[in-house]
């Protein structure tokens, strides 16, 4: 049945087959071994993930920034993590854009914000990943290797944003066509309720941090470590969905 999407609009059948051939048992196992959180996949999930990984590799162009040479191994490591959220979905949800850009490490993004008084603020923000609406996914290679105990995954995070953006503006509501048992109204109801609950929990935790401790430093962990998600998830609904996706897929 997966041959139905094999010839999808995002990639040609020939290119996907070529990547499937390259992802032979030895190469595929090496790819999985490089990411500890992928251990223990069932045979069905293993093959589904391999097929979706081949689709990502065939449909997206990889580019290196700041002189980085993107190797085949780097492409596989990124692609398998990108494929994980859509392991059992039609990869059409990743269509509409074509490029993955990889920096050697963190990169800088110019930002413009207008405050409540109408004053324009321009600044530069350091980032490890970004998903552009209708454009590429930008990643830091240095940050694309989650450890055993980590619940942070920049690749999953940015591709969760792509799932969100596929159905419209990024607001934590991905397309639910593959899940007829879930109504969009119920999804939104649960999303808003859990986001509000988490936002309040973060506020309580941060209020308890002594004023001489930076809330974003490791020293704040005794107050923030009990939270189920990184406090960054309280930024807005889109980040709440993306961070939740990271945690679910890394430590379900």
Protein backbone atom coordinates (compact mmCIF):
# COMPACT_ATOMS: atom_id res chain seq x y z
CA UNK A 1 0.00 0.00 0.00
CA UNK A 2 2.89 2.37 0.60
CA UNK A 3 3.49 2.40 -3.18
CA UNK A 4 0.51 4.76 -3.39
CA UNK A 5 2.54 7.58 -1.86
CA UNK A 6 5.78 6.38 -3.44
CA UNK A 7 4.90 8.33 -6.58
CA UNK A 8 3.62 11.37 -4.68
CA UNK A 9 4.04 14.91 -5.89
CA UNK A 10 6.96 15.63 -3.57
CA UNK A 11 9.34 13.01 -4.96
CA UNK A 12 9.61 10.72 -7.97
CA UNK A 13 9.21 6.96 -7.70
CA UNK A 14 12.67 6.38 -9.16
CA UNK A 15 14.41 8.68 -6.66
CA UNK A 16 12.65 7.10 -3.68
CA UNK A 17 13.58 3.61 -4.84
CA UNK A 18 17.20 4.69 -5.22
CA UNK A 19 17.26 5.94 -1.64
CA UNK A 20 15.58 2.77 -0.40
CA UNK A 21 18.35 0.78 -2.09
CA UNK A 22 20.97 2.95 -0.39
CA UNK A 23 19.28 2.40 2.97
CA UNK A 24 20.29 -1.27 2.91
CA UNK A 25 20.24 -3.25 6.19
CA UNK A 26 23.81 -2.31 7.14
CA UNK A 27 23.49 1.42 6.37
CA UNK A 28 20.04 1.58 7.92
CA UNK A 29 21.19 -0.06 11.15
CA UNK A 30 24.15 2.32 11.36
CA UNK A 31 21.74 5.23 11.02
CA UNK A 32 19.47 3.91 13.77
CA UNK A 33 22.44 3.18 16.05
CA UNK A 34 23.55 6.81 15.80
CA UNK A 35 20.31 7.89 17.52
CA UNK A 36 19.75 5.95 20.77
CA UNK A 37 16.10 6.96 21.14
CA UNK A 38 15.25 4.90 18.03
CA UNK A 39 16.11 1.62 19.74
CA UNK A 40 13.39 -0.98 20.14
CA UNK A 41 11.30 -0.26 17.05
CA UNK A 42 8.99 -3.07 15.98
CA UNK A 43 9.62 -4.63 12.58
CA UNK A 44 6.60 -2.79 11.17
CA UNK A 45 7.67 0.58 12.59
CA UNK A 46 11.23 0.00 11.45
CA UNK A 47 10.17 -0.51 7.85
CA UNK A 48 7.67 2.35 7.93
CA UNK A 49 10.38 4.68 9.20
CA UNK A 50 12.83 3.52 6.52
CA UNK A 51 10.29 4.23 3.80
CA UNK A 52 9.46 7.69 5.13
CA UNK A 53 13.17 8.45 5.53
CA UNK A 54 13.71 7.57 1.87
CA UNK A 55 10.86 9.91 0.95
CA UNK A 56 12.43 12.80 2.88
CA UNK A 57 15.82 12.17 1.28
CA UNK A 58 14.31 12.02 -2.21
CA UNK A 59 12.02 15.03 -1.87
CA UNK A 60 14.19 17.55 0.01
CA UNK A 61 17.43 19.19 -1.12
CA UNK A 62 20.11 19.44 1.58
CA UNK A 63 22.36 22.51 1.65
CA UNK A 64 25.26 23.39 3.94
CA UNK A 65 25.73 26.90 5.31
CA UNK A 66 28.94 28.65 6.38
CA UNK A 67 31.01 26.25 4.29
CA UNK A 68 29.58 23.08 5.83
CA UNK A 69 29.80 20.05 3.55
CA UNK A 70 26.68 17.98 4.12
CA UNK A 71 27.60 14.30 3.92
CA UNK A 72 25.30 11.38 3.13
CA UNK A 73 25.49 10.34 6.78
CA UNK A 74 24.37 13.80 7.93
CA UNK A 75 21.47 13.68 5.50
CA UNK A 76 20.37 10.31 6.86
CA UNK A 77 20.61 11.41 10.49
CA UNK A 78 18.43 14.45 9.83
CA UNK A 79 16.02 12.64 7.52
CA UNK A 80 15.28 9.76 9.91
CA UNK A 81 14.43 12.19 12.71
CA UNK A 82 12.30 14.27 10.33
CA UNK A 83 10.49 11.11 9.25
CA UNK A 84 9.63 9.99 12.77
CA UNK A 85 6.60 12.29 13.27
CA UNK A 86 5.06 11.04 9.99
CA UNK A 87 6.08 7.40 10.36
CA UNK A 88 2.46 6.28 9.92
CA UNK A 89 1.16 9.28 7.97
CA UNK A 90 1.01 10.24 4.31
CA UNK A 91 4.15 12.38 3.75
CA UNK A 92 2.03 14.83 1.76
CA UNK A 93 2.01 16.82 5.01
CA UNK A 94 5.67 17.66 4.33
CA UNK A 95 4.99 18.96 0.82
CA UNK A 96 4.94 22.59 -0.32
CA UNK A 97 8.63 23.29 0.37
CA UNK A 98 11.87 21.69 -0.79
CA UNK A 99 15.01 22.57 1.19
CA UNK A 100 16.78 21.67 4.44
CA UNK A 101 19.66 24.01 5.32
CA UNK A 102 22.24 22.85 7.85
CA UNK A 103 24.62 25.14 9.76
CA UNK A 104 27.66 23.72 11.58
CA UNK A 105 26.28 24.98 14.91
CA UNK A 106 23.91 27.63 16.24
CA UNK A 107 23.14 30.54 13.94
CA UNK A 108 21.78 34.08 14.23
CA UNK A 109 18.35 35.22 13.05
CA UNK A 110 17.41 38.91 12.68
CA UNK A 111 14.12 39.69 14.42
CA UNK A 112 11.74 42.66 14.32
CA UNK A 113 9.08 43.12 17.01
CA UNK A 114 6.60 45.90 17.69
CA UNK A 115 5.71 46.42 21.34
CA UNK A 116 2.37 47.57 22.74
CA UNK A 117 3.43 51.20 22.38
CA UNK A 118 4.13 50.75 18.67
CA UNK A 119 7.88 50.95 19.07
CA UNK A 120 9.83 48.78 16.64
CA UNK A 121 12.61 46.67 18.16
CA UNK A 122 15.26 45.05 15.96
CA UNK A 123 17.59 42.45 17.39
CA UNK A 124 19.48 39.27 16.56
CA UNK A 125 18.48 35.97 18.15
CA UNK A 126 20.64 32.85 18.43
CA UNK A 127 18.87 29.70 17.27
CA UNK A 128 19.46 26.01 16.68
CA UNK A 129 16.56 25.56 14.27
CA UNK A 130 13.80 27.34 12.42
CA UNK A 131 10.95 26.32 10.12
CA UNK A 132 9.90 28.93 7.58
CA UNK A 133 6.31 29.09 6.43
CA UNK A 134 6.48 27.88 2.82
CA UNK A 135 10.27 27.83 2.97
CA UNK A 136 13.11 25.66 4.24
CA UNK A 137 13.82 24.03 7.57
CA UNK A 138 17.08 25.44 9.00
CA UNK A 139 19.04 23.33 11.48
CA UNK A 140 22.22 23.35 13.53
CA UNK A 141 24.15 20.13 12.95
CA UNK A 142 25.74 20.39 16.37
CA UNK A 143 22.28 20.40 17.96
CA UNK A 144 20.83 17.62 15.79
CA UNK A 145 22.22 14.82 17.97
CA UNK A 146 19.99 14.26 21.02
CA UNK A 147 21.51 12.18 23.79
CA UNK A 148 20.06 9.15 25.56
CA UNK A 149 18.42 11.08 28.37
CA UNK A 150 17.54 14.19 26.40
CA UNK A 151 13.99 15.29 25.68
CA UNK A 152 15.23 18.04 23.37
CA UNK A 153 15.31 17.39 19.63
CA UNK A 154 15.65 20.33 17.28
CA UNK A 155 14.84 18.25 14.18
CA UNK A 156 11.57 16.87 15.57
CA UNK A 157 10.73 20.32 16.92
CA UNK A 158 11.10 22.09 13.58
CA UNK A 159 9.32 19.38 11.63
CA UNK A 160 6.45 19.52 14.13
CA UNK A 161 6.19 23.18 13.15
CA UNK A 162 6.00 22.07 9.51
CA UNK A 163 3.10 19.75 10.40
CA UNK A 164 1.43 22.68 12.12
CA UNK A 165 2.04 25.03 9.19
CA UNK A 166 0.70 22.55 6.63
CA UNK A 167 -2.84 23.12 7.90
CA UNK A 168 -2.47 26.92 8.06
CA UNK A 169 -0.97 29.33 10.57
CA UNK A 170 1.19 27.75 13.27
CA UNK A 171 -1.13 27.52 16.26
CA UNK A 172 -0.71 23.98 17.53
CA UNK A 173 -3.38 22.44 15.31
CA UNK A 174 -1.96 20.10 12.65
CA UNK A 175 -4.10 18.55 9.95
CA UNK A 176 -6.17 15.70 11.38
CA UNK A 177 -7.27 14.05 8.12
CA UNK A 178 -5.47 10.83 9.07
CA UNK A 179 -7.31 10.72 12.40
CA UNK A 180 -11.09 10.70 11.70
CA UNK A 181 -11.72 9.74 15.34
CA UNK A 182 -10.36 13.10 16.53
CA UNK A 183 -12.45 16.21 15.88
CA UNK A 184 -10.66 19.51 15.39
CA UNK A 185 -12.95 21.11 17.98
CA UNK A 186 -11.95 18.54 20.59
CA UNK A 187 -8.26 18.94 19.69
CA UNK A 188 -8.48 22.72 20.14
CA UNK A 189 -10.37 22.33 23.42
CA UNK A 190 -7.73 19.99 24.88
CA UNK A 191 -4.88 22.06 23.45
CA UNK A 192 -6.05 25.29 25.06
CA UNK A 193 -6.86 23.63 28.39
CA UNK A 194 -3.49 21.89 28.70
CA UNK A 195 -1.58 24.94 27.49
CA UNK A 196 -3.28 27.13 30.10
CA UNK A 197 -2.57 24.58 32.82
CA UNK A 198 1.09 24.35 31.82
CA UNK A 199 1.45 28.13 31.50
CA UNK A 200 0.15 28.54 35.05
CA UNK A 201 2.51 25.84 36.33
CA UNK A 202 5.47 27.64 34.74
CA UNK A 203 4.43 30.94 36.29
CA UNK A 204 4.19 29.37 39.75
CA UNK A 205 7.59 27.66 39.35
CA UNK A 206 9.32 30.80 38.08
CA UNK A 207 7.84 32.91 40.87
CA UNK A 208 9.50 30.62 43.40
CA UNK A 209 12.99 31.06 41.92
CA UNK A 210 15.15 33.39 44.05
CA UNK A 211 15.83 36.73 42.36
CA UNK A 212 19.58 36.13 42.24
CA UNK A 213 19.15 33.03 40.04
CA UNK A 214 18.69 33.25 36.27
CA UNK A 215 15.48 31.32 35.37
CA UNK A 216 17.13 30.14 32.14
CA UNK A 217 20.27 28.79 33.83
CA UNK A 218 20.94 25.28 35.10
CA UNK A 219 20.74 26.64 38.62
CA UNK A 220 16.97 27.03 38.17
CA UNK A 221 16.43 23.30 37.65
CA UNK A 222 15.40 22.60 41.28
CA UNK A 223 12.36 24.83 40.62
CA UNK A 224 11.69 24.00 36.95
CA UNK A 225 12.86 20.39 36.70
CA UNK A 226 9.53 18.92 37.84
CA UNK A 227 7.65 20.43 34.90
CA UNK A 228 6.57 17.87 32.25
CA UNK A 229 7.88 20.08 29.41
CA UNK A 230 10.60 22.66 28.92
CA UNK A 231 9.28 26.08 30.04
CA UNK A 232 9.80 27.27 26.45
CA UNK A 233 6.59 25.39 25.65
CA UNK A 234 4.67 28.15 27.45
CA UNK A 235 5.72 30.68 24.77
CA UNK A 236 2.61 30.09 22.66
CA UNK A 237 0.42 27.30 21.28
CA UNK A 238 2.75 26.55 18.36
CA UNK A 239 5.76 26.04 20.64
CA UNK A 240 3.63 24.04 23.08
CA UNK A 241 2.75 21.62 20.28
CA UNK A 242 6.34 21.37 18.99
CA UNK A 243 7.88 20.80 22.44
CA UNK A 244 5.18 18.25 23.27
CA UNK A 245 6.02 16.41 20.05
CA UNK A 246 9.69 16.27 21.08
CA UNK A 247 8.90 14.78 24.48
CA UNK A 248 6.34 12.30 23.17
CA UNK A 249 8.58 10.93 20.43
CA UNK A 250 11.73 10.83 22.58
CA UNK A 251 10.14 9.51 25.78
CA UNK A 252 6.56 8.38 25.06
